Amino acid sequence: MPKVDLMNQAGSRVAELTLSDYVFGIEPHQQALYEVVNAQRAAMRQGTHDVKNRGEVSGGGRKPWRQKGTGRARQGSIRSAQWRGGGIVFGPTPRSYGVKINKKVRQLALRSAFSHHMKEGKLVVIDQLQFEEAKTKHFANMLKELQIEGKTLFVVKTFDDATIRAARNIPYVSFALVGHVSVYDMLNCRNLVLTKDAVESIEEALGND
């Protein structure tokens, strides 16, 4: 079973934590990761794009000239697609880009993302994440003591306003609650930091097939 050092905010080793092999020790499933990330990126699209077809543009109620005898091509409306200012044919209309993903595939992708960071040695577990003062220097000092560099995602069970304010001026740090962490966010960061209670919640939620 995978084991990881339990650290405190000062960067000192507190204990050794044994993680669930089913959640943090599997071989990452590439297809499940692809499908879930693709679905999450699709869900980010607003889908509000819209164009006007010939029935929505203004004007064009009268036939521009008679059907026969002019020597010109027959026309029914000046708002047909071939006319300047006319409607658009087969243009985008408001729609949802949502993609259905089965629950077991989502869970497999989550376990694969956690296992990926564990395999790469980029998973850090701390006993707690709490600051008495909302000072950026305190949060930056914690990152330095934990030897964390680059884009980092903190997954916690709960967080307070002081912690958020302490980190909001650090552009490469982001937060996620255990129940709302996404595969895309985990794969989009270099380091993954979990609190001890977050690990327990994750193993409880994903520990059973």
N, C-alpha and C. Protein backbone atom coordinates (compact mmCIF):
# COMPACT_ATOMS: atom_id res chain seq x y z
N MET A 1 0.85 -1.20 0.00
CA MET A 1 0.00 0.00 0.00
C MET A 1 0.88 1.24 0.00
N PRO A 2 0.48 2.29 -0.74
CA PRO A 2 1.32 3.48 -0.79
C PRO A 2 1.38 4.20 0.55
N LYS A 3 2.55 4.71 0.83
CA LYS A 3 2.76 5.45 2.09
C LYS A 3 3.33 6.82 1.76
N VAL A 4 2.94 7.80 2.57
CA VAL A 4 3.40 9.17 2.36
C VAL A 4 3.64 9.81 3.71
N ASP A 5 4.58 10.72 3.75
CA ASP A 5 4.87 11.44 4.99
C ASP A 5 3.78 12.45 5.28
N LEU A 6 3.32 12.48 6.52
CA LEU A 6 2.36 13.48 6.96
C LEU A 6 3.16 14.67 7.48
N MET A 7 2.99 15.82 6.83
CA MET A 7 3.77 17.01 7.16
C MET A 7 2.91 18.03 7.89
N ASN A 8 3.57 18.92 8.60
CA ASN A 8 2.86 20.07 9.16
C ASN A 8 3.19 21.31 8.35
N GLN A 9 2.60 22.43 8.68
CA GLN A 9 2.79 23.64 7.89
C GLN A 9 4.21 24.20 7.99
N ALA A 10 4.96 23.74 9.00
CA ALA A 10 6.35 24.19 9.15
C ALA A 10 7.30 23.35 8.32
N GLY A 11 6.77 22.35 7.62
CA GLY A 11 7.62 21.52 6.79
C GLY A 11 8.26 20.36 7.50
N SER A 12 7.81 20.06 8.72
CA SER A 12 8.37 18.96 9.50
C SER A 12 7.51 17.71 9.35
N ARG A 13 8.16 16.57 9.36
CA ARG A 13 7.46 15.30 9.26
C ARG A 13 6.80 14.96 10.60
N VAL A 14 5.53 14.72 10.57
CA VAL A 14 4.77 14.43 11.80
C VAL A 14 4.60 12.93 11.97
N ALA A 15 4.25 12.25 10.90
CA ALA A 15 4.03 10.81 10.96
C ALA A 15 4.07 10.26 9.55
N GLU A 16 3.91 8.94 9.45
CA GLU A 16 3.81 8.29 8.15
C GLU A 16 2.36 7.84 7.96
N LEU A 17 1.81 8.18 6.81
CA LEU A 17 0.41 7.90 6.54
C LEU A 17 0.30 6.83 5.46
N THR A 18 -0.49 5.81 5.76
CA THR A 18 -0.74 4.74 4.79
C THR A 18 -2.01 5.06 4.02
N LEU A 19 -1.90 5.13 2.71
CA LEU A 19 -3.02 5.49 1.86
C LEU A 19 -3.68 4.25 1.27
N SER A 20 -4.90 4.42 0.84
CA SER A 20 -5.64 3.33 0.21
C SER A 20 -5.03 3.00 -1.15
N ASP A 21 -4.70 1.74 -1.33
CA ASP A 21 -4.13 1.31 -2.60
C ASP A 21 -5.15 1.40 -3.72
N TYR A 22 -6.44 1.30 -3.39
CA TYR A 22 -7.51 1.35 -4.37
C TYR A 22 -7.72 2.77 -4.91
N VAL A 23 -7.36 3.77 -4.09
CA VAL A 23 -7.57 5.17 -4.48
C VAL A 23 -6.28 5.82 -4.96
N PHE A 24 -5.17 5.55 -4.29
CA PHE A 24 -3.92 6.24 -4.58
C PHE A 24 -2.85 5.35 -5.20
N GLY A 25 -3.17 4.08 -5.43
CA GLY A 25 -2.13 3.18 -5.91
C GLY A 25 -2.45 2.44 -7.19
N ILE A 26 -3.44 2.90 -7.94
CA ILE A 26 -3.79 2.21 -9.19
C ILE A 26 -2.97 2.76 -10.35
N GLU A 27 -2.96 2.01 -11.43
CA GLU A 27 -2.33 2.51 -12.66
C GLU A 27 -3.32 3.48 -13.32
N PRO A 28 -2.92 4.73 -13.53
CA PRO A 28 -3.85 5.73 -14.09
C PRO A 28 -4.48 5.25 -15.40
N HIS A 29 -5.79 5.35 -15.46
CA HIS A 29 -6.55 4.92 -16.64
C HIS A 29 -6.67 6.09 -17.61
N GLN A 30 -5.90 6.03 -18.68
CA GLN A 30 -5.80 7.17 -19.59
C GLN A 30 -7.12 7.49 -20.28
N GLN A 31 -7.87 6.46 -20.68
CA GLN A 31 -9.11 6.70 -21.40
C GLN A 31 -10.14 7.37 -20.49
N ALA A 32 -10.23 6.92 -19.25
CA ALA A 32 -11.16 7.54 -18.31
C ALA A 32 -10.78 8.99 -18.05
N LEU A 33 -9.49 9.26 -17.90
CA LEU A 33 -9.03 10.64 -17.70
C LEU A 33 -9.41 11.51 -18.90
N TYR A 34 -9.19 10.98 -20.10
CA TYR A 34 -9.51 11.74 -21.31
C TYR A 34 -10.99 12.06 -21.38
N GLU A 35 -11.83 11.07 -21.14
CA GLU A 35 -13.27 11.27 -21.27
C GLU A 35 -13.79 12.28 -20.26
N VAL A 36 -13.33 12.19 -19.02
CA VAL A 36 -13.82 13.09 -17.98
C VAL A 36 -13.30 14.52 -18.20
N VAL A 37 -12.03 14.66 -18.55
CA VAL A 37 -11.49 15.99 -18.81
C VAL A 37 -12.18 16.62 -20.02
N ASN A 38 -12.43 15.83 -21.04
CA ASN A 38 -13.13 16.33 -22.22
C ASN A 38 -14.54 16.81 -21.86
N ALA A 39 -15.22 16.05 -21.00
CA ALA A 39 -16.56 16.44 -20.57
C ALA A 39 -16.54 17.69 -19.72
N GLN A 40 -15.54 17.82 -18.85
CA GLN A 40 -15.46 19.00 -17.99
C GLN A 40 -15.11 20.25 -18.80
N ARG A 41 -14.26 20.10 -19.78
CA ARG A 41 -13.94 21.24 -20.64
C ARG A 41 -15.14 21.64 -21.49
N ALA A 42 -15.90 20.66 -21.93
CA ALA A 42 -17.11 20.95 -22.70
C ALA A 42 -18.14 21.68 -21.85
N ALA A 43 -18.22 21.31 -20.57
CA ALA A 43 -19.18 21.95 -19.67
C ALA A 43 -18.82 23.40 -19.39
N MET A 44 -17.55 23.77 -19.61
CA MET A 44 -17.14 25.16 -19.39
C MET A 44 -17.66 26.09 -20.50
N ARG A 45 -18.06 25.52 -21.62
CA ARG A 45 -18.52 26.35 -22.74
C ARG A 45 -19.92 26.87 -22.44
N GLN A 46 -20.13 28.15 -22.68
CA GLN A 46 -21.42 28.76 -22.37
C GLN A 46 -22.50 28.33 -23.36
N GLY A 47 -22.14 28.13 -24.60
CA GLY A 47 -23.11 27.71 -25.59
C GLY A 47 -24.14 28.78 -25.91
N THR A 48 -23.78 30.06 -25.75
CA THR A 48 -24.73 31.15 -26.00
C THR A 48 -24.57 31.76 -27.39
N HIS A 49 -23.72 31.17 -28.23
CA HIS A 49 -23.51 31.71 -29.57
C HIS A 49 -24.82 31.62 -30.37
N ASP A 50 -25.06 32.62 -31.19
CA ASP A 50 -26.31 32.64 -31.94
C ASP A 50 -26.17 33.52 -33.18
N VAL A 51 -26.75 33.08 -34.26
CA VAL A 51 -26.84 33.89 -35.48
C VAL A 51 -28.29 33.94 -35.91
N LYS A 52 -28.61 34.88 -36.79
CA LYS A 52 -29.99 35.02 -37.27
C LYS A 52 -30.15 34.32 -38.62
N ASN A 53 -31.19 33.50 -38.70
CA ASN A 53 -31.50 32.91 -39.99
C ASN A 53 -32.41 33.85 -40.77
N ARG A 54 -32.87 33.43 -41.95
CA ARG A 54 -33.63 34.35 -42.81
C ARG A 54 -34.97 34.74 -42.20
N GLY A 55 -35.46 33.95 -41.25
CA GLY A 55 -36.72 34.30 -40.61
C GLY A 55 -36.56 35.28 -39.47
N GLU A 56 -35.31 35.55 -39.05
CA GLU A 56 -35.07 36.42 -37.89
C GLU A 56 -34.51 37.80 -38.27
N VAL A 57 -33.90 37.92 -39.45
CA VAL A 57 -33.39 39.23 -39.85
C VAL A 57 -34.56 40.12 -40.29
N SER A 58 -34.36 41.42 -40.16
CA SER A 58 -35.44 42.35 -40.49
C SER A 58 -35.53 42.59 -41.99
N GLY A 59 -36.72 42.95 -42.45
CA GLY A 59 -36.92 43.27 -43.86
C GLY A 59 -37.19 42.03 -44.70
N GLY A 60 -37.34 42.26 -46.00
CA GLY A 60 -37.48 41.15 -46.92
C GLY A 60 -38.87 40.57 -47.01
N GLY A 61 -39.88 41.34 -46.62
CA GLY A 61 -41.22 40.81 -46.69
C GLY A 61 -41.80 40.79 -48.11
N ARG A 62 -41.23 41.58 -48.98
CA ARG A 62 -41.76 41.71 -50.35
C ARG A 62 -40.83 41.00 -51.33
N LYS A 63 -41.42 40.38 -52.32
CA LYS A 63 -40.62 39.77 -53.37
C LYS A 63 -39.93 40.87 -54.15
N PRO A 64 -38.57 40.80 -54.31
CA PRO A 64 -37.84 41.93 -54.91
C PRO A 64 -38.24 42.25 -56.35
N TRP A 65 -38.55 41.29 -57.17
CA TRP A 65 -39.07 41.51 -58.51
C TRP A 65 -39.92 40.30 -58.94
N ARG A 66 -40.63 40.48 -60.03
CA ARG A 66 -41.55 39.44 -60.44
C ARG A 66 -40.80 38.18 -60.85
N GLN A 67 -41.53 37.10 -60.86
CA GLN A 67 -40.91 35.80 -61.04
C GLN A 67 -40.28 35.66 -62.43
N LYS A 68 -40.98 36.09 -63.45
CA LYS A 68 -40.52 35.84 -64.82
C LYS A 68 -40.42 37.14 -65.62
N GLY A 69 -39.64 37.06 -66.67
CA GLY A 69 -39.62 38.14 -67.64
C GLY A 69 -38.57 39.20 -67.42
N THR A 70 -37.81 39.16 -66.35
CA THR A 70 -36.80 40.20 -66.11
C THR A 70 -35.42 39.79 -66.61
N GLY A 71 -35.24 38.52 -66.90
CA GLY A 71 -33.91 38.06 -67.32
C GLY A 71 -32.99 37.77 -66.15
N ARG A 72 -33.44 38.07 -64.98
CA ARG A 72 -32.62 37.81 -63.79
C ARG A 72 -33.09 36.55 -63.08
N ALA A 73 -32.24 36.06 -62.18
CA ALA A 73 -32.61 34.86 -61.43
C ALA A 73 -33.79 35.17 -60.52
N ARG A 74 -34.64 34.18 -60.34
CA ARG A 74 -35.79 34.38 -59.48
C ARG A 74 -35.36 34.54 -58.02
N GLN A 75 -36.00 35.46 -57.34
CA GLN A 75 -35.69 35.74 -55.94
C GLN A 75 -37.00 35.87 -55.17
N GLY A 76 -36.99 35.32 -53.95
CA GLY A 76 -38.19 35.40 -53.13
C GLY A 76 -38.09 36.42 -52.02
N SER A 77 -36.85 36.74 -51.61
CA SER A 77 -36.68 37.68 -50.50
C SER A 77 -35.28 38.25 -50.54
N ILE A 78 -35.15 39.51 -50.16
CA ILE A 78 -33.82 40.11 -50.10
C ILE A 78 -33.08 39.69 -48.84
N ARG A 79 -33.72 38.88 -48.01
CA ARG A 79 -33.06 38.40 -46.80
C ARG A 79 -32.68 36.92 -46.90
N SER A 80 -32.67 36.41 -48.13
CA SER A 80 -32.14 35.07 -48.34
C SER A 80 -30.63 35.07 -48.11
N ALA A 81 -30.06 33.90 -47.94
CA ALA A 81 -28.66 33.80 -47.54
C ALA A 81 -27.70 34.40 -48.56
N GLN A 82 -28.06 34.40 -49.85
CA GLN A 82 -27.13 34.91 -50.86
C GLN A 82 -27.12 36.44 -50.95
N TRP A 83 -28.03 37.10 -50.26
CA TRP A 83 -28.09 38.56 -50.28
C TRP A 83 -27.27 39.14 -49.14
N ARG A 84 -26.69 40.32 -49.43
CA ARG A 84 -25.99 41.04 -48.37
C ARG A 84 -26.99 41.43 -47.29
N GLY A 85 -26.68 41.12 -46.02
CA GLY A 85 -27.61 41.39 -44.94
C GLY A 85 -28.64 40.29 -44.74
N GLY A 86 -28.50 39.24 -45.51
CA GLY A 86 -29.45 38.14 -45.39
C GLY A 86 -29.15 37.24 -44.21
N GLY A 87 -29.98 36.22 -44.04
CA GLY A 87 -29.80 35.29 -42.93
C GLY A 87 -28.63 34.34 -43.15
N ILE A 88 -28.22 33.70 -42.08
CA ILE A 88 -27.11 32.75 -42.11
C ILE A 88 -27.68 31.33 -42.15
N VAL A 89 -27.11 30.52 -43.02
CA VAL A 89 -27.56 29.14 -43.15
C VAL A 89 -26.71 28.22 -42.27
N PHE A 90 -27.36 27.40 -41.47
CA PHE A 90 -26.68 26.42 -40.63
C PHE A 90 -25.67 27.05 -39.67
N GLY A 91 -25.96 28.26 -39.20
CA GLY A 91 -25.07 28.92 -38.24
C GLY A 91 -25.28 28.38 -36.84
N PRO A 92 -24.39 28.74 -35.91
CA PRO A 92 -24.52 28.25 -34.53
C PRO A 92 -25.72 28.86 -33.83
N THR A 93 -26.37 28.06 -33.03
CA THR A 93 -27.50 28.50 -32.21
C THR A 93 -27.25 28.06 -30.77
N PRO A 94 -27.91 28.68 -29.80
CA PRO A 94 -27.68 28.30 -28.40
C PRO A 94 -27.89 26.80 -28.18
N ARG A 95 -26.95 26.19 -27.47
CA ARG A 95 -27.02 24.76 -27.21
C ARG A 95 -26.18 24.42 -25.99
N SER A 96 -26.40 23.26 -25.46
CA SER A 96 -25.61 22.76 -24.35
C SER A 96 -24.56 21.81 -24.88
N TYR A 97 -23.33 21.96 -24.39
CA TYR A 97 -22.25 21.08 -24.80
C TYR A 97 -22.02 19.96 -23.79
N GLY A 98 -22.95 19.81 -22.87
CA GLY A 98 -22.81 18.80 -21.82
C GLY A 98 -22.63 17.39 -22.38
N VAL A 99 -21.74 16.64 -21.76
CA VAL A 99 -21.47 15.26 -22.15
C VAL A 99 -21.75 14.36 -20.95
N LYS A 100 -22.50 13.31 -21.17
CA LYS A 100 -22.85 12.40 -20.08
C LYS A 100 -21.68 11.46 -19.80
N ILE A 101 -21.30 11.38 -18.54
CA ILE A 101 -20.25 10.47 -18.11
C ILE A 101 -20.81 9.58 -17.01
N ASN A 102 -20.61 8.29 -17.12
CA ASN A 102 -21.09 7.37 -16.11
C ASN A 102 -20.37 7.59 -14.78
N LYS A 103 -21.07 7.31 -13.70
CA LYS A 103 -20.54 7.55 -12.36
C LYS A 103 -19.25 6.76 -12.13
N LYS A 104 -19.21 5.51 -12.56
CA LYS A 104 -18.02 4.69 -12.33
C LYS A 104 -16.82 5.20 -13.13
N VAL A 105 -17.08 5.77 -14.29
CA VAL A 105 -15.99 6.34 -15.08
C VAL A 105 -15.44 7.59 -14.39
N ARG A 106 -16.34 8.42 -13.83
CA ARG A 106 -15.88 9.61 -13.10
C ARG A 106 -15.05 9.20 -11.89
N GLN A 107 -15.50 8.20 -11.17
CA GLN A 107 -14.76 7.75 -9.99
C GLN A 107 -13.40 7.16 -10.38
N LEU A 108 -13.38 6.41 -11.48
CA LEU A 108 -12.11 5.85 -11.96
C LEU A 108 -11.15 6.96 -12.36
N ALA A 109 -11.67 8.01 -12.99
CA ALA A 109 -10.82 9.14 -13.39
C ALA A 109 -10.28 9.87 -12.16
N LEU A 110 -11.11 10.04 -11.14
CA LEU A 110 -10.63 10.69 -9.91
C LEU A 110 -9.53 9.86 -9.26
N ARG A 111 -9.74 8.55 -9.16
CA ARG A 111 -8.72 7.70 -8.55
C ARG A 111 -7.45 7.70 -9.40
N SER A 112 -7.62 7.77 -10.71
CA SER A 112 -6.45 7.81 -11.60
C SER A 112 -5.67 9.11 -11.42
N ALA A 113 -6.39 10.22 -11.22
CA ALA A 113 -5.71 11.51 -11.03
C ALA A 113 -4.94 11.53 -9.71
N PHE A 114 -5.55 11.02 -8.65
CA PHE A 114 -4.85 10.94 -7.36
C PHE A 114 -3.63 10.02 -7.46
N SER A 115 -3.81 8.88 -8.12
CA SER A 115 -2.71 7.94 -8.26
C SER A 115 -1.59 8.50 -9.14
N HIS A 116 -1.97 9.32 -10.13
CA HIS A 116 -0.95 9.94 -10.99
C HIS A 116 -0.02 10.83 -10.18
N HIS A 117 -0.59 11.67 -9.33
CA HIS A 117 0.26 12.55 -8.51
C HIS A 117 1.08 11.74 -7.51
N MET A 118 0.49 10.68 -6.98
CA MET A 118 1.23 9.83 -6.05
C MET A 118 2.39 9.16 -6.77
N LYS A 119 2.15 8.69 -7.98
CA LYS A 119 3.19 8.02 -8.75
C LYS A 119 4.31 8.97 -9.13
N GLU A 120 3.95 10.22 -9.43
CA GLU A 120 4.95 11.21 -9.83
C GLU A 120 5.67 11.84 -8.65
N GLY A 121 5.26 11.50 -7.44
CA GLY A 121 5.88 12.08 -6.25
C GLY A 121 5.50 13.53 -6.01
N LYS A 122 4.34 13.94 -6.53
CA LYS A 122 3.88 15.32 -6.40
C LYS A 122 2.67 15.44 -5.48
N LEU A 123 2.47 14.43 -4.64
CA LEU A 123 1.37 14.46 -3.68
C LEU A 123 1.91 14.76 -2.30
N VAL A 124 1.36 15.80 -1.68
CA VAL A 124 1.78 16.21 -0.33
C VAL A 124 0.56 16.16 0.59
N VAL A 125 0.74 15.57 1.76
CA VAL A 125 -0.34 15.50 2.75
C VAL A 125 0.11 16.26 3.99
N ILE A 126 -0.72 17.21 4.42
CA ILE A 126 -0.42 17.99 5.62
C ILE A 126 -1.49 17.73 6.66
N ASP A 127 -1.12 17.95 7.93
CA ASP A 127 -2.06 17.64 9.01
C ASP A 127 -3.24 18.62 9.04
N GLN A 128 -2.98 19.88 8.72
CA GLN A 128 -4.06 20.87 8.68
C GLN A 128 -3.62 22.07 7.87
N LEU A 129 -4.57 22.88 7.48
CA LEU A 129 -4.29 24.11 6.74
C LEU A 129 -5.07 25.23 7.40
N GLN A 130 -4.39 25.99 8.22
CA GLN A 130 -5.06 27.03 8.98
C GLN A 130 -4.07 28.14 9.33
N PHE A 131 -4.52 29.37 9.18
CA PHE A 131 -3.68 30.53 9.48
C PHE A 131 -4.45 31.47 10.40
N GLU A 132 -3.75 31.95 11.41
CA GLU A 132 -4.38 32.89 12.32
C GLU A 132 -4.48 34.27 11.70
N GLU A 133 -3.47 34.63 10.88
CA GLU A 133 -3.48 35.92 10.20
C GLU A 133 -3.54 35.71 8.69
N ALA A 134 -4.28 36.54 8.03
CA ALA A 134 -4.42 36.46 6.57
C ALA A 134 -3.26 37.20 5.90
N LYS A 135 -2.07 36.65 6.05
CA LYS A 135 -0.86 37.27 5.52
C LYS A 135 -0.28 36.39 4.41
N THR A 136 -0.02 37.01 3.27
CA THR A 136 0.53 36.26 2.15
C THR A 136 1.90 35.68 2.48
N LYS A 137 2.68 36.40 3.27
CA LYS A 137 4.03 35.92 3.59
C LYS A 137 3.99 34.62 4.39
N HIS A 138 2.96 34.44 5.21
CA HIS A 138 2.85 33.20 5.97
C HIS A 138 2.57 32.02 5.04
N PHE A 139 1.68 32.23 4.08
CA PHE A 139 1.36 31.15 3.13
C PHE A 139 2.56 30.86 2.24
N ALA A 140 3.24 31.90 1.78
CA ALA A 140 4.42 31.71 0.93
C ALA A 140 5.53 30.99 1.70
N ASN A 141 5.65 31.30 2.98
CA ASN A 141 6.66 30.63 3.80
C ASN A 141 6.33 29.15 3.97
N MET A 142 5.03 28.82 4.08
CA MET A 142 4.64 27.42 4.18
C MET A 142 5.01 26.66 2.91
N LEU A 143 4.77 27.28 1.75
CA LEU A 143 5.13 26.64 0.48
C LEU A 143 6.64 26.41 0.40
N LYS A 144 7.39 27.37 0.91
CA LYS A 144 8.85 27.23 0.89
C LYS A 144 9.31 26.09 1.79
N GLU A 145 8.70 25.99 2.98
CA GLU A 145 9.09 24.94 3.92
C GLU A 145 8.70 23.57 3.40
N LEU A 146 7.60 23.49 2.68
CA LEU A 146 7.17 22.21 2.12
C LEU A 146 7.85 21.90 0.80
N GLN A 147 8.69 22.83 0.32
CA GLN A 147 9.42 22.68 -0.93
C GLN A 147 8.47 22.47 -2.12
N ILE A 148 7.45 23.31 -2.14
CA ILE A 148 6.45 23.25 -3.20
C ILE A 148 6.69 24.41 -4.16
N GLU A 149 6.88 24.10 -5.42
CA GLU A 149 7.08 25.11 -6.46
C GLU A 149 6.16 24.83 -7.64
N GLY A 150 5.70 25.87 -8.26
CA GLY A 150 4.85 25.71 -9.43
C GLY A 150 3.37 25.68 -9.07
N LYS A 151 2.57 25.43 -10.06
CA LYS A 151 1.11 25.46 -9.91
C LYS A 151 0.67 24.39 -8.92
N THR A 152 -0.09 24.80 -7.92
CA THR A 152 -0.46 23.91 -6.82
C THR A 152 -1.94 24.00 -6.52
N LEU A 153 -2.54 22.83 -6.31
CA LEU A 153 -3.95 22.75 -5.94
C LEU A 153 -4.05 22.19 -4.53
N PHE A 154 -4.74 22.92 -3.66
CA PHE A 154 -4.99 22.47 -2.29
C PHE A 154 -6.41 21.90 -2.22
N VAL A 155 -6.52 20.66 -1.82
CA VAL A 155 -7.82 20.02 -1.65
C VAL A 155 -8.06 19.85 -0.16
N VAL A 156 -9.11 20.50 0.32
CA VAL A 156 -9.39 20.51 1.76
C VAL A 156 -10.85 20.15 2.00
N LYS A 157 -11.14 19.77 3.25
CA LYS A 157 -12.52 19.46 3.60
C LYS A 157 -13.29 20.74 3.89
N THR A 158 -12.65 21.66 4.59
CA THR A 158 -13.21 22.99 4.84
C THR A 158 -12.06 23.98 4.88
N PHE A 159 -12.34 25.24 4.59
CA PHE A 159 -11.32 26.27 4.73
C PHE A 159 -11.97 27.55 5.22
N ASP A 160 -11.16 28.37 5.86
CA ASP A 160 -11.67 29.62 6.41
C ASP A 160 -11.24 30.80 5.53
N ASP A 161 -11.82 31.95 5.83
CA ASP A 161 -11.53 33.14 5.02
C ASP A 161 -10.08 33.58 5.14
N ALA A 162 -9.49 33.40 6.33
CA ALA A 162 -8.11 33.82 6.53
C ALA A 162 -7.16 33.07 5.60
N THR A 163 -7.41 31.79 5.42
CA THR A 163 -6.55 30.98 4.55
C THR A 163 -6.69 31.42 3.10
N ILE A 164 -7.91 31.67 2.67
CA ILE A 164 -8.15 32.12 1.30
C ILE A 164 -7.50 33.47 1.05
N ARG A 165 -7.63 34.39 1.99
CA ARG A 165 -7.03 35.72 1.81
C ARG A 165 -5.52 35.64 1.83
N ALA A 166 -4.98 34.71 2.60
CA ALA A 166 -3.53 34.58 2.68
C ALA A 166 -2.94 34.09 1.36
N ALA A 167 -3.74 33.36 0.58
CA ALA A 167 -3.21 32.76 -0.65
C ALA A 167 -3.67 33.45 -1.92
N ARG A 168 -4.60 34.41 -1.82
CA ARG A 168 -5.19 34.94 -3.04
C ARG A 168 -4.24 35.78 -3.87
N ASN A 169 -3.15 36.25 -3.28
CA ASN A 169 -2.18 37.03 -4.03
C ASN A 169 -1.09 36.16 -4.65
N ILE A 170 -1.19 34.85 -4.46
CA ILE A 170 -0.24 33.93 -5.08
C ILE A 170 -0.93 33.32 -6.29
N PRO A 171 -0.57 33.71 -7.49
CA PRO A 171 -1.35 33.35 -8.68
C PRO A 171 -1.37 31.87 -9.02
N TYR A 172 -0.36 31.11 -8.57
CA TYR A 172 -0.29 29.71 -8.95
C TYR A 172 -0.88 28.77 -7.89
N VAL A 173 -1.60 29.32 -6.93
CA VAL A 173 -2.22 28.51 -5.88
C VAL A 173 -3.74 28.57 -6.03
N SER A 174 -4.40 27.43 -5.97
CA SER A 174 -5.86 27.37 -6.04
C SER A 174 -6.37 26.37 -5.01
N PHE A 175 -7.67 26.46 -4.72
CA PHE A 175 -8.28 25.62 -3.70
C PHE A 175 -9.47 24.86 -4.28
N ALA A 176 -9.77 23.72 -3.66
CA ALA A 176 -10.96 22.95 -4.03
C ALA A 176 -11.43 22.18 -2.80
N LEU A 177 -12.74 22.10 -2.65
CA LEU A 177 -13.31 21.28 -1.59
C LEU A 177 -13.33 19.82 -2.03
N VAL A 178 -13.31 18.93 -1.06
CA VAL A 178 -13.25 17.50 -1.35
C VAL A 178 -14.41 17.08 -2.26
N GLY A 179 -15.60 17.57 -1.97
CA GLY A 179 -16.76 17.15 -2.73
C GLY A 179 -16.88 17.79 -4.10
N HIS A 180 -16.01 18.76 -4.42
CA HIS A 180 -16.14 19.46 -5.69
C HIS A 180 -14.83 19.49 -6.49
N VAL A 181 -13.85 18.70 -6.10
CA VAL A 181 -12.59 18.69 -6.83
C VAL A 181 -12.82 18.03 -8.18
N SER A 182 -12.20 18.57 -9.21
CA SER A 182 -12.37 18.05 -10.56
C SER A 182 -11.08 17.44 -11.08
N VAL A 183 -11.25 16.48 -11.95
CA VAL A 183 -10.09 15.82 -12.57
C VAL A 183 -9.28 16.82 -13.37
N TYR A 184 -9.97 17.71 -14.07
CA TYR A 184 -9.27 18.72 -14.88
C TYR A 184 -8.37 19.59 -14.02
N ASP A 185 -8.88 20.06 -12.86
CA ASP A 185 -8.08 20.90 -11.98
C ASP A 185 -6.87 20.15 -11.44
N MET A 186 -7.05 18.87 -11.13
CA MET A 186 -5.93 18.10 -10.59
C MET A 186 -4.84 17.88 -11.65
N LEU A 187 -5.26 17.61 -12.87
CA LEU A 187 -4.27 17.37 -13.92
C LEU A 187 -3.67 18.67 -14.44
N ASN A 188 -4.31 19.78 -14.13
CA ASN A 188 -3.84 21.09 -14.58
C ASN A 188 -2.87 21.72 -13.59
N CYS A 189 -2.48 20.99 -12.57
CA CYS A 189 -1.53 21.53 -11.59
C CYS A 189 -0.32 20.61 -11.50
N ARG A 190 0.75 21.16 -10.99
CA ARG A 190 1.98 20.39 -10.84
C ARG A 190 2.01 19.64 -9.52
N ASN A 191 1.51 20.29 -8.47
CA ASN A 191 1.53 19.71 -7.13
C ASN A 191 0.10 19.60 -6.60
N LEU A 192 -0.15 18.53 -5.86
CA LEU A 192 -1.45 18.32 -5.23
C LEU A 192 -1.23 18.19 -3.74
N VAL A 193 -1.86 19.09 -2.99
CA VAL A 193 -1.71 19.09 -1.53
C VAL A 193 -3.05 18.74 -0.90
N LEU A 194 -3.06 17.72 -0.06
CA LEU A 194 -4.27 17.29 0.63
C LEU A 194 -4.09 17.43 2.13
N THR A 195 -5.15 17.81 2.81
CA THR A 195 -5.13 17.76 4.27
C THR A 195 -5.50 16.35 4.71
N LYS A 196 -5.16 16.03 5.95
CA LYS A 196 -5.40 14.68 6.44
C LYS A 196 -6.88 14.33 6.43
N ASP A 197 -7.73 15.27 6.87
CA ASP A 197 -9.16 14.98 6.87
C ASP A 197 -9.72 14.88 5.45
N ALA A 198 -9.08 15.58 4.50
CA ALA A 198 -9.50 15.47 3.09
C ALA A 198 -9.18 14.07 2.56
N VAL A 199 -8.02 13.53 2.94
CA VAL A 199 -7.65 12.17 2.52
C VAL A 199 -8.67 11.17 3.04
N GLU A 200 -9.07 11.32 4.30
CA GLU A 200 -10.05 10.40 4.89
C GLU A 200 -11.38 10.47 4.15
N SER A 201 -11.81 11.68 3.80
CA SER A 201 -13.07 11.84 3.07
C SER A 201 -12.98 11.25 1.66
N ILE A 202 -11.83 11.45 1.01
CA ILE A 202 -11.64 10.92 -0.34
C ILE A 202 -11.67 9.40 -0.32
N GLU A 203 -10.97 8.80 0.63
CA GLU A 203 -10.94 7.34 0.71
C GLU A 203 -12.32 6.78 1.06
N GLU A 204 -13.07 7.51 1.86
CA GLU A 204 -14.43 7.06 2.20
C GLU A 204 -15.34 7.12 1.00
N ALA A 205 -15.18 8.16 0.18
CA ALA A 205 -16.05 8.35 -0.99
C ALA A 205 -15.67 7.44 -2.15
N LEU A 206 -14.39 7.20 -2.35
CA LEU A 206 -13.93 6.45 -3.51
C LEU A 206 -13.42 5.05 -3.17
N GLY A 207 -13.48 4.70 -1.91
CA GLY A 207 -12.89 3.44 -1.48
C GLY A 207 -13.64 2.21 -1.88
N ASN A 208 -14.92 2.37 -2.25
CA ASN A 208 -15.73 1.20 -2.63
C ASN A 208 -16.14 1.34 -4.09
N ASP A 209 -16.04 0.24 -4.81
CA ASP A 209 -16.40 0.25 -6.23
C ASP A 209 -17.93 0.28 -6.38
